[in-house]
N, C-alpha and C. Protein backbone atom coordinates (compact mmCIF):
# COMPACT_ATOMS: atom_id res chain seq x y z
N UNK A 1 -5.98 37.47 38.46
CA UNK A 1 -5.03 37.83 37.42
C UNK A 1 -4.78 36.65 36.48
N UNK A 2 -4.75 35.45 37.04
CA UNK A 2 -4.54 34.27 36.20
C UNK A 2 -5.70 34.07 35.22
N UNK A 3 -6.91 34.29 35.71
CA UNK A 3 -8.08 34.17 34.85
C UNK A 3 -8.01 35.19 33.72
N UNK A 4 -7.66 36.42 34.06
CA UNK A 4 -7.53 37.48 33.06
C UNK A 4 -6.46 37.11 32.03
N UNK A 5 -5.34 36.58 32.48
CA UNK A 5 -4.28 36.18 31.55
C UNK A 5 -4.75 35.04 30.65
N UNK A 6 -5.51 34.11 31.22
CA UNK A 6 -6.01 32.99 30.41
C UNK A 6 -7.00 33.49 29.36
N UNK A 7 -7.87 34.41 29.73
CA UNK A 7 -8.90 34.90 28.81
C UNK A 7 -8.32 35.83 27.75
N UNK A 8 -7.42 36.71 28.13
CA UNK A 8 -6.89 37.70 27.20
C UNK A 8 -5.45 37.46 26.79
N UNK A 9 -4.93 36.29 27.04
CA UNK A 9 -3.56 35.97 26.65
C UNK A 9 -3.35 36.06 25.15
N UNK A 10 -2.15 36.39 24.72
CA UNK A 10 -1.87 36.56 23.30
C UNK A 10 -1.87 35.26 22.49
N UNK A 11 -1.90 34.12 23.17
CA UNK A 11 -1.85 32.85 22.45
C UNK A 11 -3.23 32.28 22.15
N UNK A 12 -4.28 33.04 22.43
CA UNK A 12 -5.64 32.59 22.11
C UNK A 12 -5.89 32.61 20.61
N UNK A 13 -6.96 32.00 20.21
CA UNK A 13 -7.30 31.92 18.79
C UNK A 13 -8.09 33.13 18.31
N UNK A 14 -8.77 33.80 19.23
CA UNK A 14 -9.61 34.94 18.85
C UNK A 14 -8.81 36.25 18.89
N UNK A 15 -9.17 37.15 18.01
CA UNK A 15 -8.60 38.48 17.98
C UNK A 15 -8.90 39.20 19.30
N UNK A 16 -7.90 39.86 19.85
CA UNK A 16 -8.08 40.54 21.14
C UNK A 16 -9.08 41.69 21.06
N UNK A 17 -9.18 42.35 19.92
CA UNK A 17 -10.19 43.41 19.75
C UNK A 17 -11.59 42.83 19.79
N UNK A 18 -11.79 41.71 19.11
CA UNK A 18 -13.11 41.05 19.13
C UNK A 18 -13.45 40.61 20.55
N UNK A 19 -12.48 40.14 21.29
CA UNK A 19 -12.76 39.75 22.68
C UNK A 19 -13.26 40.94 23.48
N UNK A 20 -12.73 42.13 23.21
CA UNK A 20 -13.20 43.32 23.92
C UNK A 20 -14.63 43.67 23.50
N UNK A 21 -14.98 43.47 22.22
CA UNK A 21 -16.36 43.71 21.79
C UNK A 21 -17.30 42.70 22.43
N UNK A 22 -16.86 41.47 22.57
CA UNK A 22 -17.65 40.44 23.26
C UNK A 22 -17.86 40.85 24.72
N UNK A 23 -16.80 41.33 25.36
CA UNK A 23 -16.92 41.80 26.74
C UNK A 23 -17.87 42.99 26.83
N UNK A 24 -17.84 43.86 25.83
CA UNK A 24 -18.75 45.01 25.80
C UNK A 24 -20.19 44.55 25.71
N UNK A 25 -20.45 43.56 24.86
CA UNK A 25 -21.81 43.03 24.70
C UNK A 25 -22.29 42.37 25.99
N UNK A 26 -21.43 41.58 26.63
CA UNK A 26 -21.80 40.93 27.89
C UNK A 26 -22.09 41.98 28.96
N UNK A 27 -21.29 43.03 28.98
CA UNK A 27 -21.50 44.10 29.97
C UNK A 27 -22.78 44.87 29.68
N UNK A 28 -23.10 45.06 28.41
CA UNK A 28 -24.37 45.72 28.05
C UNK A 28 -25.54 44.87 28.52
N UNK A 29 -25.46 43.56 28.32
CA UNK A 29 -26.54 42.67 28.77
C UNK A 29 -26.71 42.73 30.28
N UNK A 30 -25.60 42.89 30.99
CA UNK A 30 -25.65 42.96 32.45
C UNK A 30 -26.00 44.37 32.94
N UNK A 31 -25.94 45.35 32.04
CA UNK A 31 -26.24 46.73 32.43
C UNK A 31 -25.10 47.44 33.15
N UNK A 32 -23.87 46.96 32.98
CA UNK A 32 -22.72 47.55 33.68
C UNK A 32 -22.07 48.64 32.83
N UNK A 33 -22.36 49.89 33.15
CA UNK A 33 -21.80 51.02 32.41
C UNK A 33 -20.29 51.12 32.61
N UNK A 34 -19.82 50.80 33.80
CA UNK A 34 -18.39 50.85 34.07
C UNK A 34 -17.64 49.97 33.07
N UNK A 35 -18.05 48.72 32.95
CA UNK A 35 -17.36 47.78 32.06
C UNK A 35 -17.62 48.08 30.59
N UNK A 36 -18.79 48.60 30.26
CA UNK A 36 -19.04 48.99 28.87
C UNK A 36 -18.04 50.06 28.44
N UNK A 37 -17.83 51.06 29.28
CA UNK A 37 -16.89 52.13 28.94
C UNK A 37 -15.47 51.60 28.86
N UNK A 38 -15.08 50.78 29.82
CA UNK A 38 -13.71 50.26 29.82
C UNK A 38 -13.43 49.31 28.66
N UNK A 39 -14.41 48.50 28.28
CA UNK A 39 -14.19 47.60 27.15
C UNK A 39 -14.15 48.38 25.84
N UNK A 40 -14.83 49.51 25.76
CA UNK A 40 -14.74 50.36 24.58
C UNK A 40 -13.33 50.95 24.47
N UNK A 41 -12.79 51.41 25.59
CA UNK A 41 -11.42 51.92 25.60
C UNK A 41 -10.46 50.82 25.15
N UNK A 42 -10.60 49.66 25.74
CA UNK A 42 -9.70 48.54 25.45
C UNK A 42 -9.85 48.04 24.02
N UNK A 43 -11.06 48.03 23.48
CA UNK A 43 -11.26 47.61 22.09
C UNK A 43 -10.48 48.54 21.16
N UNK A 44 -10.55 49.83 21.41
CA UNK A 44 -9.79 50.79 20.61
C UNK A 44 -8.29 50.55 20.70
N UNK A 45 -7.82 50.24 21.88
CA UNK A 45 -6.39 49.96 22.06
C UNK A 45 -5.96 48.69 21.34
N UNK A 46 -6.92 47.82 21.05
CA UNK A 46 -6.60 46.57 20.35
C UNK A 46 -7.04 46.61 18.89
N UNK A 47 -7.12 47.82 18.33
CA UNK A 47 -7.28 47.98 16.90
C UNK A 47 -8.69 48.06 16.36
N UNK A 48 -9.70 48.09 17.22
CA UNK A 48 -11.07 48.22 16.74
C UNK A 48 -11.35 49.70 16.48
N UNK A 49 -11.83 50.01 15.28
CA UNK A 49 -12.12 51.39 14.92
C UNK A 49 -13.25 51.97 15.77
N UNK A 50 -13.16 53.26 16.04
CA UNK A 50 -14.20 53.95 16.81
C UNK A 50 -15.58 53.74 16.20
N UNK A 51 -15.66 53.77 14.87
CA UNK A 51 -16.95 53.62 14.19
C UNK A 51 -17.59 52.27 14.53
N UNK A 52 -16.78 51.24 14.60
CA UNK A 52 -17.30 49.90 14.91
C UNK A 52 -17.73 49.82 16.38
N UNK A 53 -16.96 50.41 17.26
CA UNK A 53 -17.34 50.43 18.68
C UNK A 53 -18.66 51.16 18.85
N UNK A 54 -18.79 52.29 18.17
CA UNK A 54 -20.02 53.09 18.26
C UNK A 54 -21.22 52.36 17.67
N UNK A 55 -20.98 51.39 16.79
CA UNK A 55 -22.07 50.65 16.14
C UNK A 55 -22.47 49.39 16.91
N UNK A 56 -21.94 49.19 18.09
CA UNK A 56 -22.26 47.98 18.85
C UNK A 56 -23.76 47.80 19.05
N UNK A 57 -24.49 48.88 19.25
CA UNK A 57 -25.94 48.78 19.48
C UNK A 57 -26.70 48.37 18.22
N UNK A 58 -26.02 48.40 17.07
CA UNK A 58 -26.67 47.99 15.82
C UNK A 58 -25.85 46.90 15.11
N UNK A 59 -25.20 46.05 15.90
CA UNK A 59 -24.35 45.00 15.33
C UNK A 59 -25.13 44.05 14.41
N UNK A 60 -26.42 43.89 14.62
CA UNK A 60 -27.20 42.95 13.80
C UNK A 60 -27.40 43.45 12.38
N UNK A 61 -27.33 44.76 12.16
CA UNK A 61 -27.57 45.31 10.84
C UNK A 61 -26.40 46.09 10.26
N UNK A 62 -25.43 46.45 11.07
CA UNK A 62 -24.30 47.25 10.59
C UNK A 62 -23.39 46.42 9.69
N UNK A 63 -22.99 47.02 8.57
CA UNK A 63 -22.06 46.33 7.67
C UNK A 63 -20.63 46.31 8.22
N UNK A 64 -20.41 46.89 9.39
CA UNK A 64 -19.10 46.84 10.04
C UNK A 64 -18.84 45.49 10.70
N UNK A 65 -19.91 44.69 10.86
CA UNK A 65 -19.80 43.38 11.51
C UNK A 65 -20.10 42.29 10.49
N UNK A 66 -19.27 41.25 10.51
CA UNK A 66 -19.60 40.11 9.65
C UNK A 66 -20.46 39.13 10.46
N UNK A 67 -20.96 38.10 9.78
CA UNK A 67 -21.90 37.18 10.44
C UNK A 67 -21.27 36.44 11.61
N UNK A 68 -19.98 36.12 11.52
CA UNK A 68 -19.33 35.42 12.63
C UNK A 68 -19.25 36.32 13.87
N UNK A 69 -18.99 37.61 13.67
CA UNK A 69 -18.97 38.55 14.79
C UNK A 69 -20.37 38.75 15.36
N UNK A 70 -21.37 38.84 14.49
CA UNK A 70 -22.75 39.03 14.94
C UNK A 70 -23.19 37.89 15.85
N UNK A 71 -22.93 36.67 15.44
CA UNK A 71 -23.38 35.53 16.25
C UNK A 71 -22.57 35.43 17.53
N UNK A 72 -21.29 35.80 17.52
CA UNK A 72 -20.49 35.80 18.74
C UNK A 72 -21.03 36.84 19.74
N UNK A 73 -21.38 38.02 19.24
CA UNK A 73 -21.93 39.08 20.09
C UNK A 73 -23.31 38.67 20.62
N UNK A 74 -24.14 38.10 19.75
CA UNK A 74 -25.45 37.63 20.19
C UNK A 74 -25.32 36.56 21.28
N UNK A 75 -24.39 35.63 21.08
CA UNK A 75 -24.13 34.59 22.07
C UNK A 75 -23.69 35.21 23.40
N UNK A 76 -22.78 36.19 23.33
CA UNK A 76 -22.30 36.85 24.55
C UNK A 76 -23.44 37.51 25.31
N UNK A 77 -24.30 38.18 24.59
CA UNK A 77 -25.44 38.85 25.24
C UNK A 77 -26.40 37.83 25.86
N UNK A 78 -26.65 36.74 25.15
CA UNK A 78 -27.56 35.70 25.67
C UNK A 78 -26.94 34.99 26.87
N UNK A 79 -25.64 34.70 26.79
CA UNK A 79 -24.98 34.00 27.89
C UNK A 79 -24.85 34.88 29.13
N UNK A 80 -24.76 36.19 28.93
CA UNK A 80 -24.63 37.12 30.06
C UNK A 80 -25.98 37.48 30.67
N UNK A 81 -27.05 37.12 30.02
CA UNK A 81 -28.39 37.43 30.52
C UNK A 81 -28.78 36.49 31.65
N UNK A 82 -29.66 36.97 32.50
CA UNK A 82 -30.20 36.15 33.58
C UNK A 82 -31.71 36.16 33.44
N UNK A 83 -32.35 35.01 33.19
CA UNK A 83 -31.71 33.71 33.04
C UNK A 83 -30.97 33.63 31.71
N UNK A 84 -30.07 32.67 31.63
CA UNK A 84 -29.24 32.47 30.45
C UNK A 84 -30.14 32.32 29.22
N UNK A 85 -29.82 33.07 28.16
CA UNK A 85 -30.65 33.07 26.97
C UNK A 85 -30.09 32.27 25.81
N UNK A 86 -29.06 31.46 26.04
CA UNK A 86 -28.49 30.66 24.96
C UNK A 86 -29.44 29.51 24.63
N UNK A 87 -29.81 29.44 23.37
CA UNK A 87 -30.70 28.36 22.91
C UNK A 87 -29.88 27.36 22.09
N UNK A 88 -30.46 26.21 21.84
CA UNK A 88 -29.82 25.22 20.97
C UNK A 88 -29.59 25.81 19.58
N UNK A 89 -30.57 26.57 19.08
CA UNK A 89 -30.46 27.18 17.76
C UNK A 89 -29.31 28.18 17.71
N UNK A 90 -29.17 29.02 18.74
CA UNK A 90 -28.09 29.99 18.79
C UNK A 90 -26.74 29.28 18.86
N UNK A 91 -26.64 28.26 19.69
CA UNK A 91 -25.38 27.52 19.81
C UNK A 91 -25.02 26.85 18.48
N UNK A 92 -26.01 26.34 17.78
CA UNK A 92 -25.79 25.72 16.47
C UNK A 92 -25.25 26.75 15.48
N UNK A 93 -25.85 27.95 15.46
CA UNK A 93 -25.37 29.02 14.58
C UNK A 93 -23.95 29.43 14.94
N UNK A 94 -23.67 29.52 16.23
CA UNK A 94 -22.32 29.87 16.69
C UNK A 94 -21.31 28.85 16.20
N UNK A 95 -21.68 27.59 16.27
CA UNK A 95 -20.79 26.49 15.87
C UNK A 95 -20.51 26.48 14.37
N UNK A 96 -21.32 27.16 13.59
CA UNK A 96 -21.07 27.26 12.16
C UNK A 96 -19.84 28.12 11.86
N UNK A 97 -19.52 29.05 12.76
CA UNK A 97 -18.45 30.01 12.52
C UNK A 97 -17.24 29.81 13.42
N UNK A 98 -17.46 29.22 14.58
CA UNK A 98 -16.41 29.16 15.59
C UNK A 98 -16.17 27.71 16.02
N UNK A 99 -14.89 27.38 16.23
CA UNK A 99 -14.51 26.05 16.70
C UNK A 99 -14.85 25.91 18.18
N UNK A 100 -14.78 24.70 18.69
CA UNK A 100 -15.03 24.47 20.11
C UNK A 100 -14.08 25.29 20.97
N UNK A 101 -12.80 25.35 20.58
CA UNK A 101 -11.82 26.13 21.34
C UNK A 101 -12.16 27.61 21.33
N UNK A 102 -12.61 28.12 20.19
CA UNK A 102 -12.98 29.53 20.09
C UNK A 102 -14.24 29.83 20.89
N UNK A 103 -15.18 28.92 20.89
CA UNK A 103 -16.40 29.11 21.70
C UNK A 103 -16.04 29.15 23.17
N UNK A 104 -15.10 28.32 23.60
CA UNK A 104 -14.64 28.36 24.99
C UNK A 104 -14.02 29.72 25.29
N UNK A 105 -13.26 30.27 24.35
CA UNK A 105 -12.67 31.60 24.56
C UNK A 105 -13.77 32.66 24.68
N UNK A 106 -14.76 32.61 23.80
CA UNK A 106 -15.88 33.57 23.85
C UNK A 106 -16.56 33.49 25.21
N UNK A 107 -16.88 32.28 25.65
CA UNK A 107 -17.57 32.12 26.93
C UNK A 107 -16.67 32.51 28.10
N UNK A 108 -15.37 32.30 27.98
CA UNK A 108 -14.44 32.75 29.02
C UNK A 108 -14.51 34.25 29.23
N UNK A 109 -14.60 35.00 28.13
CA UNK A 109 -14.74 36.46 28.22
C UNK A 109 -16.05 36.81 28.93
N UNK A 110 -17.14 36.17 28.52
CA UNK A 110 -18.45 36.44 29.12
C UNK A 110 -18.41 36.16 30.62
N UNK A 111 -17.84 35.03 30.99
CA UNK A 111 -17.79 34.65 32.42
C UNK A 111 -16.94 35.62 33.23
N UNK A 112 -15.79 36.00 32.69
CA UNK A 112 -14.93 36.93 33.41
C UNK A 112 -15.65 38.27 33.62
N UNK A 113 -16.36 38.73 32.59
CA UNK A 113 -17.05 40.00 32.74
C UNK A 113 -18.30 39.87 33.60
N UNK A 114 -18.83 38.68 33.75
CA UNK A 114 -19.90 38.47 34.72
C UNK A 114 -19.42 38.84 36.12
N UNK A 115 -18.19 38.46 36.43
CA UNK A 115 -17.59 38.82 37.72
C UNK A 115 -17.36 40.33 37.78
N UNK A 116 -16.71 40.88 36.76
CA UNK A 116 -16.41 42.32 36.75
C UNK A 116 -17.68 43.16 36.81
N UNK A 117 -18.72 42.77 36.05
CA UNK A 117 -19.97 43.54 36.04
C UNK A 117 -20.58 43.59 37.42
N UNK A 118 -20.66 42.45 38.07
CA UNK A 118 -21.27 42.41 39.40
C UNK A 118 -20.43 43.17 40.43
N UNK A 119 -19.13 43.03 40.34
CA UNK A 119 -18.24 43.73 41.26
C UNK A 119 -18.39 45.24 41.11
N UNK A 120 -18.21 45.73 39.90
CA UNK A 120 -18.21 47.18 39.68
C UNK A 120 -19.57 47.80 39.93
N UNK A 121 -20.66 47.12 39.57
CA UNK A 121 -21.99 47.66 39.87
C UNK A 121 -22.28 47.64 41.37
N UNK A 122 -21.94 46.56 42.04
CA UNK A 122 -22.23 46.45 43.47
C UNK A 122 -21.40 47.41 44.30
N UNK A 123 -20.16 47.64 43.89
CA UNK A 123 -19.28 48.54 44.62
C UNK A 123 -19.38 49.99 44.13
N UNK A 124 -20.18 50.21 43.08
CA UNK A 124 -20.31 51.54 42.47
C UNK A 124 -18.94 52.14 42.20
N UNK A 125 -18.11 51.36 41.52
CA UNK A 125 -16.74 51.77 41.22
C UNK A 125 -16.73 53.08 40.43
N UNK A 126 -16.00 54.09 40.90
CA UNK A 126 -15.94 55.36 40.18
C UNK A 126 -15.28 55.18 38.81
N UNK A 127 -15.82 55.85 37.83
CA UNK A 127 -15.32 55.78 36.47
C UNK A 127 -14.15 56.74 36.28
N UNK A 128 -13.15 56.33 35.52
CA UNK A 128 -12.00 57.17 35.21
C UNK A 128 -12.31 58.08 34.03
N UNK A 129 -11.54 59.18 33.93
CA UNK A 129 -11.79 60.21 32.91
C UNK A 129 -11.78 59.66 31.49
N UNK A 130 -10.78 58.83 31.14
CA UNK A 130 -10.70 58.30 29.78
C UNK A 130 -11.92 57.45 29.44
N UNK A 131 -12.36 56.63 30.38
CA UNK A 131 -13.53 55.79 30.14
C UNK A 131 -14.80 56.64 30.02
N UNK A 132 -14.91 57.71 30.79
CA UNK A 132 -16.05 58.63 30.66
C UNK A 132 -16.07 59.25 29.27
N UNK A 133 -14.91 59.72 28.82
CA UNK A 133 -14.82 60.36 27.50
C UNK A 133 -15.18 59.39 26.39
N UNK A 134 -14.60 58.19 26.40
CA UNK A 134 -14.85 57.21 25.34
C UNK A 134 -16.29 56.70 25.42
N UNK A 135 -16.78 56.43 26.61
CA UNK A 135 -18.16 55.99 26.76
C UNK A 135 -19.14 57.00 26.21
N UNK A 136 -18.94 58.26 26.54
CA UNK A 136 -19.82 59.32 26.06
C UNK A 136 -19.74 59.48 24.55
N UNK A 137 -18.53 59.46 24.02
CA UNK A 137 -18.31 59.69 22.59
C UNK A 137 -18.78 58.52 21.73
N UNK A 138 -18.54 57.29 22.18
CA UNK A 138 -18.80 56.13 21.32
C UNK A 138 -20.03 55.33 21.67
N UNK A 139 -20.43 55.31 22.93
CA UNK A 139 -21.52 54.44 23.34
C UNK A 139 -22.83 55.18 23.57
N UNK A 140 -22.79 56.50 23.53
CA UNK A 140 -24.02 57.25 23.63
C UNK A 140 -24.25 57.86 24.99
N UNK A 141 -25.34 58.58 25.11
CA UNK A 141 -25.62 59.29 26.35
C UNK A 141 -25.88 58.33 27.50
N UNK A 142 -25.28 58.66 28.61
CA UNK A 142 -25.45 57.92 29.86
C UNK A 142 -24.72 58.71 30.93
N UNK A 143 -25.00 58.42 32.17
CA UNK A 143 -24.19 59.03 33.22
C UNK A 143 -23.05 58.08 33.51
N UNK A 144 -21.98 58.23 32.76
CA UNK A 144 -20.81 57.36 32.85
C UNK A 144 -20.02 57.61 34.12
N UNK A 145 -20.35 58.64 34.89
CA UNK A 145 -19.53 59.01 36.03
C UNK A 145 -19.87 58.28 37.32
N UNK A 146 -21.03 57.62 37.37
CA UNK A 146 -21.42 57.01 38.63
C UNK A 146 -21.75 55.53 38.46
N UNK A 147 -21.67 54.81 39.56
CA UNK A 147 -22.10 53.42 39.57
C UNK A 147 -23.59 53.37 39.87
N UNK A 148 -24.11 52.19 40.08
CA UNK A 148 -25.55 52.01 40.31
C UNK A 148 -26.05 52.69 41.58
N UNK A 149 -25.17 52.92 42.54
CA UNK A 149 -25.60 53.56 43.79
C UNK A 149 -25.95 55.02 43.58
N UNK A 150 -25.33 55.63 42.51
CA UNK A 150 -25.50 57.00 42.08
C UNK A 150 -26.16 57.88 43.01
């Protein structure tokens, strides 16, 4: 709970909606449908429009994302990948838009969801109705109802 409060506390420098999109990207990289659906729900609750959530799969070309958001999402996906896909070039691009403190916040989200992704996939955590509805509506076709054990 303390880690969650530190990552998503209201006194951070990053917008809480953007943090949920970063968590969504990290969860997509990890393949965790449970967390993808839940971060979509949470992003909406923190002011991110449905259209932007639905465009996560095309963040590199969608005009709904600015360049600072694109590089933050790309960094999240690379950092959540195994092996880690963060390159010097990517980190340099990230540093053009985000301060050291903001980069720490971005990586904090990725790290926290690394735990959540592994937990929920390994335990095949059942998905709740709201997350199933939002996942289906905004993130596309998938079997949002089951974990990896399916």
